């Protein structure tokens, strides 16, 4: 039986979420940025990194215990490289940092063809796909990776979780040829921990070989999950390792220290971000077959991939685009009954009106 969804006005959602952050001491601008990113996740059908996950993450590891600092300043670290910047986020709210970092990387790419912003002392930015989709809609190739707040993933052939779920997110400006940006966005674990939390809330089960219990045995029960497994065995492990090594170059903490009190004042417990923007013109070899333009070549390559026999193949980003179309048609954000209940718990805490369960059209 298909799940029922209920309609929530996006402006009212954003006002509530922003107010929840502001009640925790965050400035209005960063609270609004976090609310907008939460809405973008729900708009595109991402239910594992919505407002509920964002606020829960801050509650467990953020502003309540010093893991995230409201209204923290971003410090630009001196560098001799013109196309790159390194920031010390000083534990500022991750969604706010990520949005600003991508905006700055776009400015750099407009001048140098490529722009990179690396961020130290960061706090989780939630759904990486949202940032690269937005950048791709603006005409740029976008990439980001980050280290996760906790070490929750067991390395290939290991038993102890020492890796984050460590996502990678790519966005490609294909709206003109497809109607939506190609967006390749995935955690390097078989599933994200947000998915485990969603299944707990909804009463679902995990796919096989996605997680292990406290005895190291595979489990499909989200209530028994102790650690996650990398997808594709050694392949997902290698991709997760990319994030850890990139963060190590930036200044990231030891994986087992993230999300915890470090063993000494000289150690760190923060995450690191990496953002890259490439201007498509910077890649052009200007020698496309059959005198095609760059855009015509891009379209021809995609059509060639989806040749006869592959008509039913789904492009990355297509499901998110379809979810956005459903949200657009419904006129707002779509939530399950359980999600509405949790939003209303937040609303009661802040003396906001509760959301009615209005069935989505």
Protein backbone atom coordinates (compact mmCIF):
# COMPACT_ATOMS: atom_id res chain seq x y z
CA UNK A 1 0.00 0.00 0.00
CA UNK A 2 1.52 3.36 -1.01
CA UNK A 3 2.37 5.77 1.78
CA UNK A 4 0.14 8.81 2.28
CA UNK A 5 1.64 12.30 2.24
CA UNK A 6 0.37 15.56 3.62
CA UNK A 7 0.86 19.11 2.40
CA UNK A 8 2.76 21.76 4.38
CA UNK A 9 3.11 25.35 3.23
CA UNK A 10 6.81 25.97 2.52
CA UNK A 11 6.88 29.47 4.02
CA UNK A 12 5.25 28.26 7.25
CA UNK A 13 7.70 25.33 7.36
CA UNK A 14 10.68 27.64 6.91
CA UNK A 15 9.40 30.07 9.52
CA UNK A 16 9.05 27.27 12.07
CA UNK A 17 12.44 25.73 11.33
CA UNK A 18 14.18 29.11 11.41
CA UNK A 19 12.48 29.92 14.72
CA UNK A 20 13.66 26.59 16.16
CA UNK A 21 17.24 27.45 15.28
CA UNK A 22 16.90 31.01 16.55
CA UNK A 23 15.54 29.67 19.85
CA UNK A 24 18.87 27.86 20.19
CA UNK A 25 20.78 31.10 19.76
CA UNK A 26 21.45 31.11 16.02
CA UNK A 27 21.30 34.38 14.09
CA UNK A 28 18.35 34.87 11.76
CA UNK A 29 20.43 34.77 8.56
CA UNK A 30 22.04 31.40 9.32
CA UNK A 31 18.76 30.02 10.69
CA UNK A 32 16.99 31.06 7.48
CA UNK A 33 19.74 29.39 5.40
CA UNK A 34 19.33 26.15 7.35
CA UNK A 35 15.56 26.27 6.95
CA UNK A 36 15.87 26.83 3.20
CA UNK A 37 18.20 23.86 2.80
CA UNK A 38 15.83 21.66 4.83
CA UNK A 39 12.97 22.72 2.59
CA UNK A 40 15.07 21.98 -0.51
CA UNK A 41 15.68 18.44 0.72
CA UNK A 42 11.97 17.80 1.28
CA UNK A 43 11.04 19.52 -2.01
CA UNK A 44 13.32 17.09 -3.86
CA UNK A 45 12.02 14.03 -1.99
CA UNK A 46 14.97 13.59 0.37
CA UNK A 47 13.45 12.47 3.66
CA UNK A 48 16.68 11.47 5.41
CA UNK A 49 18.17 14.99 5.59
CA UNK A 50 15.11 17.14 6.19
CA UNK A 51 14.44 19.64 8.99
CA UNK A 52 13.81 16.87 11.53
CA UNK A 53 17.25 15.36 10.89
CA UNK A 54 18.92 18.78 10.91
CA UNK A 55 17.46 19.86 14.23
CA UNK A 56 18.05 16.43 15.77
CA UNK A 57 21.69 16.54 14.69
CA UNK A 58 22.14 19.96 16.26
CA UNK A 59 20.44 18.77 19.44
CA UNK A 60 22.72 15.75 19.82
CA UNK A 61 26.06 17.10 18.63
CA UNK A 62 25.66 20.81 18.00
CA UNK A 63 24.76 23.98 19.86
CA UNK A 64 23.71 22.28 23.10
CA UNK A 65 27.19 20.83 23.69
CA UNK A 66 29.46 23.23 21.80
CA UNK A 67 29.85 21.16 18.64
CA UNK A 68 28.21 23.96 16.68
CA UNK A 69 28.54 27.62 17.66
CA UNK A 70 25.68 30.01 16.81
CA UNK A 71 26.67 33.08 14.80
CA UNK A 72 30.33 32.03 14.67
CA UNK A 73 32.52 34.08 12.32
CA UNK A 74 34.11 32.50 9.24
CA UNK A 75 37.85 33.13 9.13
CA UNK A 76 39.70 33.25 5.79
CA UNK A 77 43.09 31.52 6.07
CA UNK A 78 45.89 33.25 4.09
CA UNK A 79 46.92 31.35 0.95
CA UNK A 80 49.16 31.97 -2.07
CA UNK A 81 46.70 30.26 -4.44
CA UNK A 82 44.26 32.59 -6.21
CA UNK A 83 41.63 30.03 -7.29
CA UNK A 84 41.29 28.43 -3.87
CA UNK A 85 40.34 29.53 -0.40
CA UNK A 86 40.59 27.82 2.99
CA UNK A 87 38.15 28.80 5.71
CA UNK A 88 38.08 28.22 9.43
CA UNK A 89 34.34 27.90 10.11
CA UNK A 90 34.81 28.05 13.88
CA UNK A 91 32.02 25.47 14.21
CA UNK A 92 29.45 27.68 12.45
CA UNK A 93 26.18 26.08 11.34
CA UNK A 94 27.11 23.82 8.43
CA UNK A 95 24.26 24.68 6.07
CA UNK A 96 25.12 28.36 6.27
CA UNK A 97 28.81 27.68 5.66
CA UNK A 98 28.14 25.36 2.72
CA UNK A 99 25.85 27.82 0.96
CA UNK A 100 28.36 30.63 1.31
CA UNK A 101 31.27 28.41 0.30
CA UNK A 102 29.60 27.38 -2.95
CA UNK A 103 28.69 31.00 -3.71
CA UNK A 104 32.34 31.94 -3.23
CA UNK A 105 33.58 28.99 -5.30
CA UNK A 106 31.31 30.14 -8.14
CA UNK A 107 32.84 33.62 -7.97
CA UNK A 108 36.33 32.11 -8.17
CA UNK A 109 35.35 29.86 -11.08
CA UNK A 110 34.03 32.85 -13.02
CA UNK A 111 37.53 34.33 -12.84
CA UNK A 112 39.81 31.28 -12.91
CA UNK A 113 37.69 28.56 -14.51
CA UNK A 114 37.72 26.58 -11.28
CA UNK A 115 37.05 27.56 -7.70
CA UNK A 116 37.77 25.56 -4.57
CA UNK A 117 36.83 26.30 -0.98
CA UNK A 118 38.07 24.00 1.79
CA UNK A 119 36.59 24.35 5.26
CA UNK A 120 38.13 23.35 8.59
CA UNK A 121 36.41 23.22 11.99
CA UNK A 122 32.99 22.64 10.43
CA UNK A 123 29.65 21.19 11.53
CA UNK A 124 27.52 18.89 9.34
CA UNK A 125 25.95 20.58 6.27
CA UNK A 126 23.23 17.90 5.84
CA UNK A 127 22.19 17.15 2.20
CA UNK A 128 25.10 17.70 -0.18
CA UNK A 129 22.85 17.07 -3.17
CA UNK A 130 20.92 20.24 -2.51
CA UNK A 131 23.98 22.45 -2.92
CA UNK A 132 25.23 20.83 -6.13
CA UNK A 133 21.75 20.84 -7.69
CA UNK A 134 21.47 24.57 -7.04
CA UNK A 135 24.94 25.24 -8.47
CA UNK A 136 24.18 23.09 -11.53
CA UNK A 137 20.98 25.04 -12.13
CA UNK A 138 23.18 28.14 -12.22
CA UNK A 139 25.28 26.56 -14.98
CA UNK A 140 28.27 25.08 -13.15
CA UNK A 141 29.75 21.63 -12.54
CA UNK A 142 29.76 21.25 -8.77
CA UNK A 143 31.30 18.77 -6.35
CA UNK A 144 31.45 18.47 -2.59
CA UNK A 145 32.50 15.93 -0.01
CA UNK A 146 32.68 16.06 3.74
CA UNK A 147 33.48 13.95 6.75
CA UNK A 148 30.48 12.97 8.85
CA UNK A 149 29.82 13.92 12.44
CA UNK A 150 30.42 10.40 13.75
CA UNK A 151 32.44 7.34 12.79
CA UNK A 152 29.57 4.96 12.06
CA UNK A 153 30.89 2.80 9.23
CA UNK A 154 33.05 -0.33 9.47
CA UNK A 155 35.98 -0.44 7.00
CA UNK A 156 36.08 -3.29 4.50
CA UNK A 157 37.11 -6.50 6.34
CA UNK A 158 37.04 -4.65 9.68
CA UNK A 159 34.86 -4.81 12.80
CA UNK A 160 35.19 -1.38 14.40
CA UNK A 161 33.40 1.67 12.93
CA UNK A 162 36.13 4.21 12.13
CA UNK A 163 34.67 5.94 9.05
CA UNK A 164 31.88 8.42 8.57
CA UNK A 165 29.05 7.85 6.13
CA UNK A 166 31.13 10.36 4.15
CA UNK A 167 28.99 11.48 1.18
CA UNK A 168 30.06 12.55 -2.30
CA UNK A 169 27.87 14.90 -4.34
CA UNK A 170 28.26 15.91 -8.00
CA UNK A 171 26.00 18.22 -9.99
CA UNK A 172 26.09 18.76 -13.76
CA UNK A 173 24.32 21.60 -15.65
CA UNK A 174 22.08 19.53 -17.91
CA UNK A 175 18.79 21.38 -17.42
CA UNK A 176 18.83 22.73 -20.98
CA UNK A 177 19.06 19.24 -22.49
CA UNK A 178 17.16 17.15 -19.92
CA UNK A 179 14.98 19.55 -17.95
CA UNK A 180 16.90 18.88 -14.73
CA UNK A 181 20.50 18.77 -13.49
CA UNK A 182 22.19 15.39 -13.30
CA UNK A 183 22.96 15.00 -9.59
CA UNK A 184 25.06 12.11 -8.31
CA UNK A 185 24.72 12.14 -4.55
CA UNK A 186 25.39 9.23 -2.24
CA UNK A 187 26.68 8.22 1.16
CA UNK A 188 29.57 5.77 0.99
CA UNK A 189 27.75 3.48 3.41
CA UNK A 190 25.08 1.17 2.03
CA UNK A 191 22.56 3.58 3.50
CA UNK A 192 22.80 6.84 5.44
CA UNK A 193 22.22 6.92 9.19
CA UNK A 194 19.39 9.33 8.43
CA UNK A 195 17.73 6.48 6.56
CA UNK A 196 18.03 4.31 9.68
CA UNK A 197 16.35 7.06 11.70
CA UNK A 198 13.62 7.41 9.11
CA UNK A 199 12.92 3.66 9.15
CA UNK A 200 12.75 3.72 12.94
CA UNK A 201 10.17 6.49 12.69
CA UNK A 202 8.19 4.80 9.93
CA UNK A 203 8.49 1.21 11.19
CA UNK A 204 10.43 -0.08 8.17
CA UNK A 205 13.37 -2.44 7.66
CA UNK A 206 16.84 -2.03 6.19
CA UNK A 207 18.11 -3.80 3.07
CA UNK A 208 20.38 -6.80 3.65
CA UNK A 209 24.06 -6.17 4.40
CA UNK A 210 23.53 -2.51 5.21
CA UNK A 211 24.29 -2.59 8.93
CA UNK A 212 25.51 -4.70 11.83
CA UNK A 213 24.36 -5.05 15.43
CA UNK A 214 26.48 -4.83 18.60
CA UNK A 215 27.79 -8.35 17.96
CA UNK A 216 28.96 -7.42 14.47
CA UNK A 217 26.23 -9.48 12.85
CA UNK A 218 24.21 -8.17 9.88
CA UNK A 219 20.78 -6.81 10.83
CA UNK A 220 17.83 -5.36 8.93
CA UNK A 221 16.19 -4.03 12.13
CA UNK A 222 16.84 -0.26 12.38
CA UNK A 223 16.42 -0.47 16.16
CA UNK A 224 19.36 -2.86 16.44
CA UNK A 225 21.84 -0.98 14.26
CA UNK A 226 25.24 -0.45 15.86
CA UNK A 227 27.26 0.41 12.75
CA UNK A 228 26.85 0.65 8.99
CA UNK A 229 28.64 -1.17 6.18
CA UNK A 230 30.24 0.48 3.13
CA UNK A 231 28.39 -0.05 -0.13
CA UNK A 232 30.11 -2.24 -2.70
CA UNK A 233 32.54 -3.66 -0.12
CA UNK A 234 36.05 -2.36 -0.95
CA UNK A 235 34.70 0.16 -3.48
CA UNK A 236 32.57 2.09 -0.99
CA UNK A 237 35.38 1.82 1.52
CA UNK A 238 37.79 3.43 -0.93
CA UNK A 239 35.38 6.26 -1.69
CA UNK A 240 34.84 6.89 2.01
CA UNK A 241 38.58 6.96 2.49
CA UNK A 242 38.80 9.79 -0.07
CA UNK A 243 36.79 11.99 2.30
CA UNK A 244 38.92 11.10 5.29
CA UNK A 245 42.16 11.81 3.42
CA UNK A 246 40.87 15.07 1.93
CA UNK A 247 39.83 16.17 5.41
CA UNK A 248 43.23 15.18 6.76
CA UNK A 249 44.89 17.54 4.27
CA UNK A 250 42.52 20.33 5.33
CA UNK A 251 43.01 19.79 9.06
CA UNK A 252 40.19 17.44 10.00
CA UNK A 253 40.13 15.56 13.28
CA UNK A 254 40.83 11.88 13.82
CA UNK A 255 37.70 9.93 12.84
CA UNK A 256 37.16 8.40 16.28
CA UNK A 257 37.23 11.85 17.88
CA UNK A 258 34.46 13.36 15.75
CA UNK A 259 31.26 13.99 17.65
CA UNK A 260 32.98 13.27 20.97
CA UNK A 261 35.03 15.16 23.52
CA UNK A 262 38.64 14.91 22.27
CA UNK A 263 41.09 13.14 24.60
CA UNK A 264 43.19 16.30 25.02
CA UNK A 265 42.89 20.02 24.37
CA UNK A 266 45.37 19.65 21.51
CA UNK A 267 43.12 17.28 19.57
CA UNK A 268 40.08 18.26 17.46
CA UNK A 269 36.63 16.72 17.03
CA UNK A 270 35.30 18.70 14.06
CA UNK A 271 34.47 17.78 10.49
CA UNK A 272 35.88 19.22 7.25
CA UNK A 273 34.25 20.26 3.97
CA UNK A 274 35.53 20.38 0.39
CA UNK A 275 33.75 22.37 -2.35
CA UNK A 276 34.69 22.60 -6.02
CA UNK A 277 33.10 24.52 -8.88
CA UNK A 278 34.18 24.09 -12.50
CA UNK A 279 33.03 26.44 -15.24
CA UNK A 280 32.07 24.25 -18.24
CA UNK A 281 33.96 26.54 -20.61
CA UNK A 282 37.16 25.75 -18.71
CA UNK A 283 36.89 22.11 -19.83
CA UNK A 284 36.22 22.68 -23.52
CA UNK A 285 38.74 21.23 -25.97
CA UNK A 286 36.89 23.11 -28.75
CA UNK A 287 37.14 20.13 -31.12
CA UNK A 288 33.79 18.36 -30.84
CA UNK A 289 32.83 15.78 -33.45
CA UNK A 290 30.55 16.79 -36.32
CA UNK A 291 31.05 20.46 -35.43
CA UNK A 292 28.82 20.09 -32.39
CA UNK A 293 28.84 22.74 -29.69
CA UNK A 294 29.70 21.76 -26.14
CA UNK A 295 26.01 21.60 -25.22
CA UNK A 296 25.15 19.64 -28.36
CA UNK A 297 27.94 17.20 -27.55
CA UNK A 298 26.68 16.80 -24.00
CA UNK A 299 23.20 16.02 -25.30
CA UNK A 300 24.58 13.56 -27.86
CA UNK A 301 26.58 11.71 -25.20
CA UNK A 302 23.55 11.33 -22.92
CA UNK A 303 21.38 10.16 -25.82
CA UNK A 304 24.06 7.68 -26.83
CA UNK A 305 24.13 6.25 -23.29
CA UNK A 306 20.33 5.92 -23.31
CA UNK A 307 20.38 4.12 -26.63
CA UNK A 308 17.94 1.41 -27.74
CA UNK A 309 17.39 -1.03 -24.89
CA UNK A 310 18.21 1.59 -22.23
CA UNK A 311 15.07 3.69 -22.58
CA UNK A 312 13.95 2.81 -19.05
CA UNK A 313 17.28 3.70 -17.47
CA UNK A 314 17.06 6.43 -14.85
CA UNK A 315 19.59 9.24 -14.79
CA UNK A 316 20.95 10.40 -11.41
CA UNK A 317 18.93 13.40 -10.34
CA UNK A 318 15.83 12.27 -12.24
CA UNK A 319 14.03 11.01 -9.14
CA UNK A 320 14.81 14.24 -7.31
CA UNK A 321 13.48 16.22 -10.28
CA UNK A 322 10.29 14.14 -10.31
CA UNK A 323 9.85 14.72 -6.57
CA UNK A 324 10.30 18.46 -7.15
CA UNK A 325 7.59 18.31 -9.83
CA UNK A 326 5.25 16.60 -7.34
CA UNK A 327 5.97 19.29 -4.76
CA UNK A 328 5.36 21.98 -7.37
CA UNK A 329 2.07 20.40 -8.44
CA UNK A 330 0.94 20.01 -4.83
CA UNK A 331 1.89 23.59 -4.00
CA UNK A 332 4.12 22.85 -1.03
CA UNK A 333 6.20 20.36 0.91
CA UNK A 334 5.11 16.74 1.30
CA UNK A 335 5.51 14.96 4.63
CA UNK A 336 4.34 11.63 6.09
CA UNK A 337 1.97 11.50 9.06
CA UNK A 338 4.85 10.61 11.39
CA UNK A 339 6.89 13.56 10.11
CA UNK A 340 3.95 15.93 10.61
CA UNK A 341 3.67 14.67 14.20
CA UNK A 342 7.33 15.49 14.83
CA UNK A 343 7.02 18.91 13.24
CA UNK A 344 4.03 19.60 15.48
CA UNK A 345 6.05 18.63 18.54
CA UNK A 346 8.51 21.37 17.56
CA UNK A 347 5.62 23.78 16.91
CA UNK A 348 4.12 23.20 20.38
CA UNK A 349 7.50 23.79 21.99
CA UNK A 350 7.72 27.19 20.28
CA UNK A 351 4.01 28.06 20.71
CA UNK A 352 3.51 27.94 16.94
CA UNK A 353 0.28 26.78 15.30
CA UNK A 354 0.34 23.07 14.52
CA UNK A 355 0.22 21.77 10.96
CA UNK A 356 -3.04 20.11 9.95
CA UNK A 357 -2.78 16.81 8.11
CA UNK A 358 -4.01 18.02 4.74
CA UNK A 359 -3.79 15.16 2.22
CA UNK A 360 -1.59 16.01 -0.74
CA UNK A 361 -3.53 16.29 -4.00
